Amino acid sequence: MSQPYPQYPPPPPHAARSHRLPRHPDRGPVDPASGPAGELRLLRTAYRWQRRVSTLTAIGYFFTFLLLSAFAPSLMTRAVTGGLSFGLLIGVCQFPVTCLALYVYEHTARRRVDPLAHRLRRQGGTR
């Protein structure tokens, strides 16, 4: 029985498929790379992307603030308006950036991660 499309990733040359794919009682052969295992992989990928973007947004901004404080003190003490220095301005902006990171986390959870998790729960029969 030939496959209509090549398998990705290709199996190693020594791993000949001598076994049959498991069969679902109603739908026929089940490919182990798809189905719940494939959707779990998608869920993990979406969740990992969500964590990394949100974390790197907040920590990256704070790390930039620390680097500027350590290596560019003349920039940080430069007056922006009145008695407000550039360092104080970007320090105060840390709160909105953290709020933005939380918003991105919640937004991506609602749009990407939660629908996958709900679908897998429905397929598994758990709530």
PDB file of N, CA and C in Angstrom:
ATOM      1  N   MET A   1       0.846  -1.175   0.000  1.00  0.00           N
ATOM      2  CA  MET A   1       0.000   0.000   0.000  1.00  0.00           C
ATOM      3  C   MET A   1       0.890   1.236   0.000  1.00  0.00           C
ATOM      4  N   SER A   2       0.757   2.079  -1.004  1.00  0.00           N
ATOM      5  CA  SER A   2       1.599   3.260  -1.091  1.00  0.00           C
ATOM      6  C   SER A   2       0.878   4.462  -0.505  1.00  0.00           C
ATOM      7  N   GLN A   3       1.669   5.374   0.040  1.00  0.00           N
ATOM      8  CA  GLN A   3       1.113   6.591   0.608  1.00  0.00           C
ATOM      9  C   GLN A   3       1.005   7.631  -0.498  1.00  0.00           C
ATOM     10  N   PRO A   4      -0.072   8.453  -0.504  1.00  0.00           N
ATOM     11  CA  PRO A   4      -0.198   9.453  -1.551  1.00  0.00           C
ATOM     12  C   PRO A   4       0.835  10.570  -1.440  1.00  0.00           C
ATOM     13  N   TYR A   5       1.327  10.848  -0.218  1.00  0.00           N
ATOM     14  CA  TYR A   5       2.321  11.890  -0.013  1.00  0.00           C
ATOM     15  C   TYR A   5       3.491  11.289   0.755  1.00  0.00           C
ATOM     16  N   PRO A   6       4.703  11.813   0.547  1.00  0.00           N
ATOM     17  CA  PRO A   6       5.837  11.287   1.306  1.00  0.00           C
ATOM     18  C   PRO A   6       5.682  11.621   2.790  1.00  0.00           C
ATOM     19  N   GLN A   7       6.199  10.747   3.620  1.00  0.00           N
ATOM     20  CA  GLN A   7       6.109  10.949   5.058  1.00  0.00           C
ATOM     21  C   GLN A   7       7.117  11.996   5.488  1.00  0.00           C
ATOM     22  N   TYR A   8       6.697  12.898   6.373  1.00  0.00           N
ATOM     23  CA  TYR A   8       7.608  13.908   6.906  1.00  0.00           C
ATOM     24  C   TYR A   8       7.612  13.819   8.406  1.00  0.00           C
ATOM     25  N   PRO A   9       8.711  13.760   9.062  1.00  0.00           N
ATOM     26  CA  PRO A   9      10.043  13.577   8.518  1.00  0.00           C
ATOM     27  C   PRO A   9      10.200  12.165   7.983  1.00  0.00           C
ATOM     28  N   PRO A  10      11.039  12.004   6.986  1.00  0.00           N
ATOM     29  CA  PRO A  10      11.174  10.669   6.408  1.00  0.00           C
ATOM     30  C   PRO A  10      11.745   9.690   7.433  1.00  0.00           C
ATOM     31  N   PRO A  11      11.259   8.456   7.399  1.00  0.00           N
ATOM     32  CA  PRO A  11      11.782   7.477   8.349  1.00  0.00           C
ATOM     33  C   PRO A  11      13.209   7.112   7.991  1.00  0.00           C
ATOM     34  N   PRO A  12      13.980   6.657   8.968  1.00  0.00           N
ATOM     35  CA  PRO A  12      15.336   6.223   8.649  1.00  0.00           C
ATOM     36  C   PRO A  12      15.288   5.052   7.674  1.00  0.00           C
ATOM     37  N   PRO A  13      16.323   4.898   6.833  1.00  0.00           N
ATOM     38  CA  PRO A  13      16.291   3.859   5.806  1.00  0.00           C
ATOM     39  C   PRO A  13      16.168   2.444   6.370  1.00  0.00           C
ATOM     40  N   HIS A  14      16.684   2.201   7.565  1.00  0.00           N
ATOM     41  CA  HIS A  14      16.645   0.859   8.120  1.00  0.00           C
ATOM     42  C   HIS A  14      15.310   0.539   8.796  1.00  0.00           C
ATOM     43  N   ALA A  15      14.440   1.536   8.944  1.00  0.00           N
ATOM     44  CA  ALA A  15      13.171   1.315   9.644  1.00  0.00           C
ATOM     45  C   ALA A  15      12.060   1.060   8.634  1.00  0.00           C
ATOM     46  N   ALA A  16      12.017  -0.138   8.136  1.00  0.00           N
ATOM     47  CA  ALA A  16      10.959  -0.510   7.197  1.00  0.00           C
ATOM     48  C   ALA A  16       9.668  -0.720   7.972  1.00  0.00           C
ATOM     49  N   ARG A  17       8.573  -0.319   7.379  1.00  0.00           N
ATOM     50  CA  ARG A  17       7.284  -0.467   8.047  1.00  0.00           C
ATOM     51  C   ARG A  17       6.747  -1.863   7.775  1.00  0.00           C
ATOM     52  N   SER A  18       6.950  -2.731   8.743  1.00  0.00           N
ATOM     53  CA  SER A  18       6.427  -4.076   8.577  1.00  0.00           C
ATOM     54  C   SER A  18       5.113  -4.242   9.322  1.00  0.00           C
ATOM     55  N   HIS A  19       4.766  -3.283  10.149  1.00  0.00           N
ATOM     56  CA  HIS A  19       3.524  -3.383  10.906  1.00  0.00           C
ATOM     57  C   HIS A  19       2.434  -2.538  10.253  1.00  0.00           C
ATOM     58  N   ARG A  20       1.226  -2.839  10.569  1.00  0.00           N
ATOM     59  CA  ARG A  20       0.104  -2.065  10.053  1.00  0.00           C
ATOM     60  C   ARG A  20      -0.223  -0.945  11.026  1.00  0.00           C
ATOM     61  N   LEU A  21      -0.821   0.110  10.486  1.00  0.00           N
ATOM     62  CA  LEU A  21      -1.262   1.198  11.344  1.00  0.00           C
ATOM     63  C   LEU A  21      -2.435   0.728  12.189  1.00  0.00           C
ATOM     64  N   PRO A  22      -2.542   1.207  13.422  1.00  0.00           N
ATOM     65  CA  PRO A  22      -3.698   0.823  14.229  1.00  0.00           C
ATOM     66  C   PRO A  22      -4.982   1.323  13.578  1.00  0.00           C
ATOM     67  N   ARG A  23      -6.064   0.609  13.816  1.00  0.00           N
ATOM     68  CA  ARG A  23      -7.336   0.956  13.190  1.00  0.00           C
ATOM     69  C   ARG A  23      -8.296   1.517  14.218  1.00  0.00           C
ATOM     70  N   HIS A  24      -8.981   2.585  13.815  1.00  0.00           N
ATOM     71  CA  HIS A  24     -10.076   3.129  14.618  1.00  0.00           C
ATOM     72  C   HIS A  24     -11.321   2.342  14.242  1.00  0.00           C
ATOM     73  N   PRO A  25     -12.174   1.993  15.201  1.00  0.00           N
ATOM     74  CA  PRO A  25     -13.325   1.151  14.871  1.00  0.00           C
ATOM     75  C   PRO A  25     -14.247   1.736  13.810  1.00  0.00           C
ATOM     76  N   ASP A  26     -14.378   3.040  13.738  1.00  0.00           N
ATOM     77  CA  ASP A  26     -15.315   3.658  12.795  1.00  0.00           C
ATOM     78  C   ASP A  26     -14.653   4.296  11.583  1.00  0.00           C
ATOM     79  N   ARG A  27     -13.407   4.757  11.751  1.00  0.00           N
ATOM     80  CA  ARG A  27     -12.800   5.572  10.697  1.00  0.00           C
ATOM     81  C   ARG A  27     -11.652   4.920   9.958  1.00  0.00           C
ATOM     82  N   GLY A  28     -11.280   3.721  10.265  1.00  0.00           N
ATOM     83  CA  GLY A  28     -10.205   3.060   9.537  1.00  0.00           C
ATOM     84  C   GLY A  28      -8.853   3.291  10.166  1.00  0.00           C
ATOM     85  N   PRO A  29      -7.748   3.227   9.351  1.00  0.00           N
ATOM     86  CA  PRO A  29      -6.391   3.345   9.901  1.00  0.00           C
ATOM     87  C   PRO A  29      -6.159   4.700  10.565  1.00  0.00           C
ATOM     88  N   VAL A  30      -5.401   4.681  11.646  1.00  0.00           N
ATOM     89  CA  VAL A  30      -5.076   5.897  12.385  1.00  0.00           C
ATOM     90  C   VAL A  30      -3.587   6.135  12.254  1.00  0.00           C
ATOM     91  N   ASP A  31      -3.227   7.295  11.747  1.00  0.00           N
ATOM     92  CA  ASP A  31      -1.822   7.660  11.648  1.00  0.00           C
ATOM     93  C   ASP A  31      -1.384   8.223  12.992  1.00  0.00           C
ATOM     94  N   PRO A  32      -0.359   7.652  13.630  1.00  0.00           N
ATOM     95  CA  PRO A  32       0.042   8.132  14.948  1.00  0.00           C
ATOM     96  C   PRO A  32       0.513   9.581  14.946  1.00  0.00           C
ATOM     97  N   ALA A  33       0.945  10.126  13.802  1.00  0.00           N
ATOM     98  CA  ALA A  33       1.426  11.500  13.767  1.00  0.00           C
ATOM     99  C   ALA A  33       0.287  12.504  13.788  1.00  0.00           C
ATOM    100  N   SER A  34      -0.939  12.056  13.515  1.00  0.00           N
ATOM    101  CA  SER A  34      -2.065  12.978  13.543  1.00  0.00           C
ATOM    102  C   SER A  34      -2.967  12.606  14.704  1.00  0.00           C
ATOM    103  N   GLY A  35      -4.110  13.227  14.767  1.00  0.00           N
ATOM    104  CA  GLY A  35      -5.053  12.917  15.828  1.00  0.00           C
ATOM    105  C   GLY A  35      -4.672  13.603  17.115  1.00  0.00           C
ATOM    106  N   PRO A  36      -5.063  13.005  18.254  1.00  0.00           N
ATOM    107  CA  PRO A  36      -4.816  13.647  19.540  1.00  0.00           C
ATOM    108  C   PRO A  36      -3.343  13.945  19.813  1.00  0.00           C
ATOM    109  N   ALA A  37      -2.454  13.047  19.405  1.00  0.00           N
ATOM    110  CA  ALA A  37      -1.029  13.298  19.645  1.00  0.00           C
ATOM    111  C   ALA A  37      -0.546  14.511  18.860  1.00  0.00           C
ATOM    112  N   GLY A  38      -0.984  14.627  17.614  1.00  0.00           N
ATOM    113  CA  GLY A  38      -0.608  15.792  16.803  1.00  0.00           C
ATOM    114  C   GLY A  38      -1.199  17.070  17.359  1.00  0.00           C
ATOM    115  N   GLU A  39      -2.429  16.987  17.863  1.00  0.00           N
ATOM    116  CA  GLU A  39      -3.050  18.179  18.435  1.00  0.00           C
ATOM    117  C   GLU A  39      -2.410  18.550  19.765  1.00  0.00           C
ATOM    118  N   LEU A  40      -1.980  17.555  20.529  1.00  0.00           N
ATOM    119  CA  LEU A  40      -1.239  17.864  21.763  1.00  0.00           C
ATOM    120  C   LEU A  40       0.065  18.582  21.431  1.00  0.00           C
ATOM    121  N   ARG A  41       0.710  18.150  20.350  1.00  0.00           N
ATOM    122  CA  ARG A  41       1.933  18.817  19.913  1.00  0.00           C
ATOM    123  C   ARG A  41       1.646  20.264  19.525  1.00  0.00           C
ATOM    124  N   LEU A  42       0.524  20.493  18.821  1.00  0.00           N
ATOM    125  CA  LEU A  42       0.137  21.859  18.466  1.00  0.00           C
ATOM    126  C   LEU A  42      -0.154  22.692  19.708  1.00  0.00           C
ATOM    127  N   LEU A  43      -0.824  22.102  20.688  1.00  0.00           N
ATOM    128  CA  LEU A  43      -1.138  22.811  21.926  1.00  0.00           C
ATOM    129  C   LEU A  43       0.139  23.196  22.666  1.00  0.00           C
ATOM    130  N   ARG A  44       1.080  22.269  22.762  1.00  0.00           N
ATOM    131  CA  ARG A  44       2.343  22.583  23.430  1.00  0.00           C
ATOM    132  C   ARG A  44       3.091  23.687  22.694  1.00  0.00           C
ATOM    133  N   THR A  45       3.087  23.646  21.369  1.00  0.00           N
ATOM    134  CA  THR A  45       3.772  24.673  20.579  1.00  0.00           C
ATOM    135  C   THR A  45       3.124  26.033  20.784  1.00  0.00           C
ATOM    136  N   ALA A  46       1.807  26.086  20.753  1.00  0.00           N
ATOM    137  CA  ALA A  46       1.101  27.356  20.943  1.00  0.00           C
ATOM    138  C   ALA A  46       1.357  27.918  22.335  1.00  0.00           C
ATOM    139  N   TYR A  47       1.320  27.052  23.339  1.00  0.00           N
ATOM    140  CA  TYR A  47       1.545  27.508  24.701  1.00  0.00           C
ATOM    141  C   TYR A  47       2.984  27.975  24.891  1.00  0.00           C
ATOM    142  N   ARG A  48       3.933  27.263  24.300  1.00  0.00           N
ATOM    143  CA  ARG A  48       5.338  27.658  24.392  1.00  0.00           C
ATOM    144  C   ARG A  48       5.563  29.018  23.736  1.00  0.00           C
ATOM    145  N   TRP A  49       4.963  29.232  22.562  1.00  0.00           N
ATOM    146  CA  TRP A  49       5.090  30.524  21.877  1.00  0.00           C
ATOM    147  C   TRP A  49       4.495  31.628  22.736  1.00  0.00           C
ATOM    148  N   GLN A  50       3.356  31.356  23.332  1.00  0.00           N
ATOM    149  CA  GLN A  50       2.675  32.338  24.167  1.00  0.00           C
ATOM    150  C   GLN A  50       3.550  32.728  25.366  1.00  0.00           C
ATOM    151  N   ARG A  51       4.118  31.759  26.044  1.00  0.00           N
ATOM    152  CA  ARG A  51       4.962  32.048  27.202  1.00  0.00           C
ATOM    153  C   ARG A  51       6.197  32.842  26.796  1.00  0.00           C
ATOM    154  N   ARG A  52       6.825  32.429  25.716  1.00  0.00           N
ATOM    155  CA  ARG A  52       8.075  33.096  25.320  1.00  0.00           C
ATOM    156  C   ARG A  52       7.861  34.541  24.927  1.00  0.00           C
ATOM    157  N   VAL A  53       6.847  34.821  24.146  1.00  0.00           N
ATOM    158  CA  VAL A  53       6.617  36.198  23.701  1.00  0.00           C
ATOM    159  C   VAL A  53       6.303  37.100  24.887  1.00  0.00           C
ATOM    160  N   SER A  54       5.416  36.652  25.759  1.00  0.00           N
ATOM    161  CA  SER A  54       5.046  37.479  26.906  1.00  0.00           C
ATOM    162  C   SER A  54       6.220  37.684  27.855  1.00  0.00           C
ATOM    163  N   THR A  55       6.944  36.626  28.132  1.00  0.00           N
ATOM    164  CA  THR A  55       8.076  36.724  29.051  1.00  0.00           C
ATOM    165  C   THR A  55       9.182  37.590  28.469  1.00  0.00           C
ATOM    166  N   LEU A  56       9.500  37.379  27.204  1.00  0.00           N
ATOM    167  CA  LEU A  56      10.571  38.167  26.592  1.00  0.00           C
ATOM    168  C   LEU A  56      10.194  39.638  26.439  1.00  0.00           C
ATOM    169  N   THR A  57       8.915  39.933  26.299  1.00  0.00           N
ATOM    170  CA  THR A  57       8.492  41.334  26.231  1.00  0.00           C
ATOM    171  C   THR A  57       8.792  42.037  27.543  1.00  0.00           C
ATOM    172  N   ALA A  58       8.346  41.453  28.656  1.00  0.00           N
ATOM    173  CA  ALA A  58       8.532  42.092  29.956  1.00  0.00           C
ATOM    174  C   ALA A  58       9.998  42.089  30.393  1.00  0.00           C
ATOM    175  N   ILE A  59      10.640  40.941  30.308  1.00  0.00           N
ATOM    176  CA  ILE A  59      12.029  40.841  30.776  1.00  0.00           C
ATOM    177  C   ILE A  59      12.972  41.598  29.845  1.00  0.00           C
ATOM    178  N   GLY A  60      12.700  41.546  28.542  1.00  0.00           N
ATOM    179  CA  GLY A  60      13.546  42.268  27.590  1.00  0.00           C
ATOM    180  C   GLY A  60      13.533  43.768  27.819  1.00  0.00           C
ATOM    181  N   TYR A  61      12.352  44.308  28.108  1.00  0.00           N
ATOM    182  CA  TYR A  61      12.266  45.749  28.378  1.00  0.00           C
ATOM    183  C   TYR A  61      13.030  46.095  29.650  1.00  0.00           C
ATOM    184  N   PHE A  62      12.852  45.301  30.700  1.00  0.00           N
ATOM    185  CA  PHE A  62      13.540  45.566  31.961  1.00  0.00           C
ATOM    186  C   PHE A  62      15.053  45.409  31.799  1.00  0.00           C
ATOM    187  N   PHE A  63      15.493  44.392  31.050  1.00  0.00           N
ATOM    188  CA  PHE A  63      16.922  44.178  30.822  1.00  0.00           C
ATOM    189  C   PHE A  63      17.524  45.350  30.040  1.00  0.00           C
ATOM    190  N   THR A  64      16.770  45.854  29.069  1.00  0.00           N
ATOM    191  CA  THR A  64      17.232  47.029  28.323  1.00  0.00           C
ATOM    192  C   THR A  64      17.388  48.226  29.250  1.00  0.00           C
ATOM    193  N   PHE A  65      16.426  48.407  30.147  1.00  0.00           N
ATOM    194  CA  PHE A  65      16.504  49.483  31.136  1.00  0.00           C
ATOM    195  C   PHE A  65      17.755  49.334  31.998  1.00  0.00           C
ATOM    196  N   LEU A  66      18.045  48.107  32.452  1.00  0.00           N
ATOM    197  CA  LEU A  66      19.232  47.881  33.274  1.00  0.00           C
ATOM    198  C   LEU A  66      20.524  48.142  32.498  1.00  0.00           C
ATOM    199  N   LEU A  67      20.581  47.687  31.251  1.00  0.00           N
ATOM    200  CA  LEU A  67      21.777  47.933  30.441  1.00  0.00           C
ATOM    201  C   LEU A  67      22.009  49.421  30.199  1.00  0.00           C
ATOM    202  N   LEU A  68      20.938  50.135  29.904  1.00  0.00           N
ATOM    203  CA  LEU A  68      21.083  51.581  29.713  1.00  0.00           C
ATOM    204  C   LEU A  68      21.523  52.263  31.001  1.00  0.00           C
ATOM    205  N   SER A  69      21.008  51.815  32.127  1.00  0.00           N
ATOM    206  CA  SER A  69      21.405  52.400  33.416  1.00  0.00           C
ATOM    207  C   SER A  69      22.880  52.156  33.694  1.00  0.00           C
ATOM    208  N   ALA A  70      23.374  50.982  33.329  1.00  0.00           N
ATOM    209  CA  ALA A  70      24.766  50.641  33.620  1.00  0.00           C
ATOM    210  C   ALA A  70      25.742  51.245  32.625  1.00  0.00           C
ATOM    211  N   PHE A  71      25.384  51.252  31.335  1.00  0.00           N
ATOM    212  CA  PHE A  71      26.355  51.633  30.313  1.00  0.00           C
ATOM    213  C   PHE A  71      26.075  52.965  29.618  1.00  0.00           C
ATOM    214  N   ALA A  72      24.957  53.590  29.910  1.00  0.00           N
ATOM    215  CA  ALA A  72      24.664  54.898  29.299  1.00  0.00           C
ATOM    216  C   ALA A  72      24.084  55.847  30.337  1.00  0.00           C
ATOM    217  N   PRO A  73      24.852  56.141  31.391  1.00  0.00           N
ATOM    218  CA  PRO A  73      24.299  57.016  32.432  1.00  0.00           C
ATOM    219  C   PRO A  73      24.016  58.433  31.932  1.00  0.00           C
ATOM    220  N   SER A  74      24.776  58.899  30.967  1.00  0.00           N
ATOM    221  CA  SER A  74      24.520  60.250  30.454  1.00  0.00           C
ATOM    222  C   SER A  74      23.177  60.307  29.724  1.00  0.00           C
ATOM    223  N   LEU A  75      22.808  59.245  29.035  1.00  0.00           N
ATOM    224  CA  LEU A  75      21.502  59.186  28.378  1.00  0.00           C
ATOM    225  C   LEU A  75      20.380  59.118  29.412  1.00  0.00           C
ATOM    226  N   MET A  76      20.593  58.339  30.458  1.00  0.00           N
ATOM    227  CA  MET A  76      19.555  58.153  31.467  1.00  0.00           C
ATOM    228  C   MET A  76      19.314  59.419  32.296  1.00  0.00           C
ATOM    229  N   THR A  77      20.325  60.273  32.442  1.00  0.00           N
ATOM    230  CA  THR A  77      20.157  61.495  33.231  1.00  0.00           C
ATOM    231  C   THR A  77      19.731  62.687  32.384  1.00  0.00           C
ATOM    232  N   ARG A  78      19.646  62.496  31.072  1.00  0.00           N
ATOM    233  CA  ARG A  78      19.241  63.596  30.188  1.00  0.00           C
ATOM    234  C   ARG A  78      17.788  63.972  30.475  1.00  0.00           C
ATOM    235  N   ALA A  79      17.527  65.263  30.574  1.00  0.00           N
ATOM    236  CA  ALA A  79      16.178  65.751  30.868  1.00  0.00           C
ATOM    237  C   ALA A  79      15.300  65.654  29.619  1.00  0.00           C
ATOM    238  N   VAL A  80      14.095  65.129  29.801  1.00  0.00           N
ATOM    239  CA  VAL A  80      13.144  65.038  28.700  1.00  0.00           C
ATOM    240  C   VAL A  80      12.256  66.278  28.720  1.00  0.00           C
ATOM    241  N   THR A  81      11.570  66.490  29.817  1.00  0.00           N
ATOM    242  CA  THR A  81      10.767  67.709  30.005  1.00  0.00           C
ATOM    243  C   THR A  81      10.843  68.096  31.474  1.00  0.00           C
ATOM    244  N   GLY A  82      11.118  69.333  31.743  1.00  0.00           N
ATOM    245  CA  GLY A  82      11.169  69.811  33.127  1.00  0.00           C
ATOM    246  C   GLY A  82      12.139  69.006  33.966  1.00  0.00           C
ATOM    247  N   GLY A  83      11.653  68.423  35.048  1.00  0.00           N
ATOM    248  CA  GLY A  83      12.502  67.637  35.938  1.00  0.00           C
ATOM    249  C   GLY A  83      12.447  66.143  35.653  1.00  0.00           C
ATOM    250  N   LEU A  84      11.818  65.740  34.553  1.00  0.00           N
ATOM    251  CA  LEU A  84      11.681  64.317  34.219  1.00  0.00           C
ATOM    252  C   LEU A  84      12.855  63.870  33.351  1.00  0.00           C
ATOM    253  N   SER A  85      13.642  62.932  33.887  1.00  0.00           N
ATOM    254  CA  SER A  85      14.784  62.428  33.120  1.00  0.00           C
ATOM    255  C   SER A  85      14.337  61.245  32.247  1.00  0.00           C
ATOM    256  N   PHE A  86      15.176  60.921  31.263  1.00  0.00           N
ATOM    257  CA  PHE A  86      14.877  59.811  30.366  1.00  0.00           C
ATOM    258  C   PHE A  86      14.826  58.495  31.136  1.00  0.00           C
ATOM    259  N   GLY A  87      15.726  58.315  32.090  1.00  0.00           N
ATOM    260  CA  GLY A  87      15.752  57.090  32.897  1.00  0.00           C
ATOM    261  C   GLY A  87      14.479  56.922  33.704  1.00  0.00           C
ATOM    262  N   LEU A  88      14.012  58.016  34.303  1.00  0.00           N
ATOM    263  CA  LEU A  88      12.771  57.941  35.068  1.00  0.00           C
ATOM    264  C   LEU A  88      11.584  57.667  34.155  1.00  0.00           C
ATOM    265  N   LEU A  89      11.592  58.253  32.976  1.00  0.00           N
ATOM    266  CA  LEU A  89      10.501  58.052  32.026  1.00  0.00           C
ATOM    267  C   LEU A  89      10.408  56.583  31.592  1.00  0.00           C
ATOM    268  N   ILE A  90      11.537  55.979  31.207  1.00  0.00           N
ATOM    269  CA  ILE A  90      11.449  54.575  30.780  1.00  0.00           C
ATOM    270  C   ILE A  90      11.249  53.637  31.977  1.00  0.00           C
ATOM    271  N   GLY A  91      11.641  54.069  33.179  1.00  0.00           N
ATOM    272  CA  GLY A  91      11.350  53.279  34.377  1.00  0.00           C
ATOM    273  C   GLY A  91       9.860  53.261  34.677  1.00  0.00           C
ATOM    274  N   VAL A  92       9.208  54.402  34.516  1.00  0.00           N
ATOM    275  CA  VAL A  92       7.765  54.483  34.735  1.00  0.00           C
ATOM    276  C   VAL A  92       7.019  53.715  33.643  1.00  0.00           C
ATOM    277  N   CYS A  93       7.578  53.649  32.450  1.00  0.00           N
ATOM    278  CA  CYS A  93       6.942  52.914  31.350  1.00  0.00           C
ATOM    279  C   CYS A  93       7.021  51.403  31.537  1.00  0.00           C
ATOM    280  N   GLN A  94       7.766  50.939  32.547  1.00  0.00           N
ATOM    281  CA  GLN A  94       7.848  49.502  32.809  1.00  0.00           C
ATOM    282  C   GLN A  94       6.467  48.939  33.155  1.00  0.00           C
ATOM    283  N   PHE A  95       5.670  49.705  33.876  1.00  0.00           N
ATOM    284  CA  PHE A  95       4.330  49.222  34.250  1.00  0.00           C
ATOM    285  C   PHE A  95       3.441  49.017  33.020  1.00  0.00           C
ATOM    286  N   PRO A  96       3.330  49.983  32.103  1.00  0.00           N
ATOM    287  CA  PRO A  96       2.516  49.722  30.900  1.00  0.00           C
ATOM    288  C   PRO A  96       3.059  48.576  30.037  1.00  0.00           C
ATOM    289  N   VAL A  97       4.372  48.417  29.984  1.00  0.00           N
ATOM    290  CA  VAL A  97       4.943  47.315  29.192  1.00  0.00           C
ATOM    291  C   VAL A  97       4.573  45.973  29.829  1.00  0.00           C
ATOM    292  N   THR A  98       4.596  45.894  31.155  1.00  0.00           N
ATOM    293  CA  THR A  98       4.187  44.668  31.836  1.00  0.00           C
ATOM    294  C   THR A  98       2.707  44.390  31.580  1.00  0.00           C
ATOM    295  N   CYS A  99       1.894  45.432  31.611  1.00  0.00           N
ATOM    296  CA  CYS A  99       0.463  45.272  31.297  1.00  0.00           C
ATOM    297  C   CYS A  99       0.280  44.801  29.853  1.00  0.00           C
ATOM    298  N   LEU A 100       1.097  45.320  28.940  1.00  0.00           N
ATOM    299  CA  LEU A 100       1.036  44.882  27.545  1.00  0.00           C
ATOM    300  C   LEU A 100       1.397  43.400  27.430  1.00  0.00           C
ATOM    301  N   ALA A 101       2.421  42.969  28.165  1.00  0.00           N
ATOM    302  CA  ALA A 101       2.805  41.557  28.136  1.00  0.00           C
ATOM    303  C   ALA A 101       1.668  40.674  28.662  1.00  0.00           C
ATOM    304  N   LEU A 102       0.985  41.122  29.711  1.00  0.00           N
ATOM    305  CA  LEU A 102      -0.160  40.378  30.230  1.00  0.00           C
ATOM    306  C   LEU A 102      -1.294  40.337  29.219  1.00  0.00           C
ATOM    307  N   TYR A 103      -1.526  41.449  28.530  1.00  0.00           N
ATOM    308  CA  TYR A 103      -2.574  41.482  27.508  1.00  0.00           C
ATOM    309  C   TYR A 103      -2.247  40.519  26.365  1.00  0.00           C
ATOM    310  N   VAL A 104      -1.001  40.527  25.908  1.00  0.00           N
ATOM    311  CA  VAL A 104      -0.592  39.615  24.830  1.00  0.00           C
ATOM    312  C   VAL A 104      -0.774  38.169  25.275  1.00  0.00           C
ATOM    313  N   TYR A 105      -0.425  37.876  26.521  1.00  0.00           N
ATOM    314  CA  TYR A 105      -0.578  36.525  27.056  1.00  0.00           C
ATOM    315  C   TYR A 105      -2.049  36.112  27.043  1.00  0.00           C
ATOM    316  N   GLU A 106      -2.922  36.965  27.554  1.00  0.00           N
ATOM    317  CA  GLU A 106      -4.356  36.653  27.588  1.00  0.00           C
ATOM    318  C   GLU A 106      -4.949  36.558  26.185  1.00  0.00           C
ATOM    319  N   HIS A 107      -4.546  37.451  25.315  1.00  0.00           N
ATOM    320  CA  HIS A 107      -5.079  37.477  23.943  1.00  0.00           C
ATOM    321  C   HIS A 107      -4.704  36.199  23.195  1.00  0.00           C
ATOM    322  N   THR A 108      -3.440  35.817  23.278  1.00  0.00           N
ATOM    323  CA  THR A 108      -3.034  34.601  22.579  1.00  0.00           C
ATOM    324  C   THR A 108      -3.629  33.360  23.228  1.00  0.00           C
ATOM    325  N   ALA A 109      -3.856  33.401  24.533  1.00  0.00           N
ATOM    326  CA  ALA A 109      -4.506  32.261  25.194  1.00  0.00           C
ATOM    327  C   ALA A 109      -5.924  32.088  24.655  1.00  0.00           C
ATOM    328  N   ARG A 110      -6.662  33.190  24.545  1.00  0.00           N
ATOM    329  CA  ARG A 110      -8.035  33.100  24.052  1.00  0.00           C
ATOM    330  C   ARG A 110      -8.117  32.701  22.589  1.00  0.00           C
ATOM    331  N   ARG A 111      -7.173  33.169  21.775  1.00  0.00           N
ATOM    332  CA  ARG A 111      -7.264  32.923  20.333  1.00  0.00           C
ATOM    333  C   ARG A 111      -6.611  31.631  19.886  1.00  0.00           C
ATOM    334  N   ARG A 112      -5.530  31.191  20.548  1.00  0.00           N
ATOM    335  CA  ARG A 112      -4.789  30.036  20.040  1.00  0.00           C
ATOM    336  C   ARG A 112      -4.791  28.844  20.980  1.00  0.00           C
ATOM    337  N   VAL A 113      -4.505  29.078  22.249  1.00  0.00           N
ATOM    338  CA  VAL A 113      -4.294  27.960  23.162  1.00  0.00           C
ATOM    339  C   VAL A 113      -5.614  27.383  23.666  1.00  0.00           C
ATOM    340  N   ASP A 114      -6.524  28.227  24.127  1.00  0.00           N
ATOM    341  CA  ASP A 114      -7.785  27.738  24.693  1.00  0.00           C
ATOM    342  C   ASP A 114      -8.628  26.937  23.706  1.00  0.00           C
ATOM    343  N   PRO A 115      -8.785  27.373  22.440  1.00  0.00           N
ATOM    344  CA  PRO A 115      -9.573  26.547  21.517  1.00  0.00           C
ATOM    345  C   PRO A 115      -8.987  25.150  21.306  1.00  0.00           C
ATOM    346  N   LEU A 116      -7.655  25.054  21.238  1.00  0.00           N
ATOM    347  CA  LEU A 116      -7.023  23.736  21.101  1.00  0.00           C
ATOM    348  C   LEU A 116      -7.265  22.886  22.339  1.00  0.00           C
ATOM    349  N   ALA A 117      -7.139  23.490  23.512  1.00  0.00           N
ATOM    350  CA  ALA A 117      -7.340  22.742  24.749  1.00  0.00           C
ATOM    351  C   ALA A 117      -8.791  22.277  24.869  1.00  0.00           C
ATOM    352  N   HIS A 118      -9.738  23.135  24.513  1.00  0.00           N
ATOM    353  CA  HIS A 118     -11.152  22.748  24.580  1.00  0.00           C
ATOM    354  C   HIS A 118     -11.457  21.608  23.608  1.00  0.00           C
ATOM    355  N   ARG A 119     -10.878  21.676  22.406  1.00  0.00           N
ATOM    356  CA  ARG A 119     -11.110  20.615  21.419  1.00  0.00           C
ATOM    357  C   ARG A 119     -10.545  19.289  21.920  1.00  0.00           C
ATOM    358  N   LEU A 120      -9.359  19.318  22.505  1.00  0.00           N
ATOM    359  CA  LEU A 120      -8.769  18.078  23.017  1.00  0.00           C
ATOM    360  C   LEU A 120      -9.573  17.537  24.199  1.00  0.00           C
ATOM    361  N   ARG A 121     -10.102  18.412  25.042  1.00  0.00           N
ATOM    362  CA  ARG A 121     -10.937  17.948  26.157  1.00  0.00           C
ATOM    363  C   ARG A 121     -12.198  17.280  25.637  1.00  0.00           C
ATOM    364  N   ARG A 122     -12.817  17.864  24.607  1.00  0.00           N
ATOM    365  CA  ARG A 122     -14.029  17.265  24.038  1.00  0.00           C
ATOM    366  C   ARG A 122     -13.720  15.897  23.437  1.00  0.00           C
ATOM    367  N   GLN A 123     -12.595  15.779  22.751  1.00  0.00           N
ATOM    368  CA  GLN A 123     -12.232  14.494  22.144  1.00  0.00           C
ATOM    369  C   GLN A 123     -11.910  13.447  23.198  1.00  0.00           C
ATOM    370  N   GLY A 124     -11.312  13.887  24.305  1.00  0.00           N
ATOM    371  CA  GLY A 124     -10.949  12.956  25.359  1.00  0.00           C
ATOM    372  C   GLY A 124     -12.099  12.607  26.276  1.00  0.00           C
ATOM    373  N   GLY A 125     -13.180  13.374  26.207  1.00  0.00           N
ATOM    374  CA  GLY A 125     -14.333  13.099  27.033  1.00  0.00           C
ATOM    375  C   GLY A 125     -14.248  13.667  28.428  1.00  0.00           C
ATOM    376  N   THR A 126     -13.238  14.530  28.704  1.00  0.00           N
ATOM    377  CA  THR A 126     -13.128  15.152  30.017  1.00  0.00           C
ATOM    378  C   THR A 126     -13.499  16.615  29.921  1.00  0.00           C
ATOM    379  N   ARG A 127     -13.872  17.182  31.029  1.00  0.00           N
ATOM    380  CA  ARG A 127     -14.221  18.597  31.043  1.00  0.00           C
ATOM    381  C   ARG A 127     -13.210  19.361  31.760  1.00  0.00           C
TER     382      ARG A 127
END
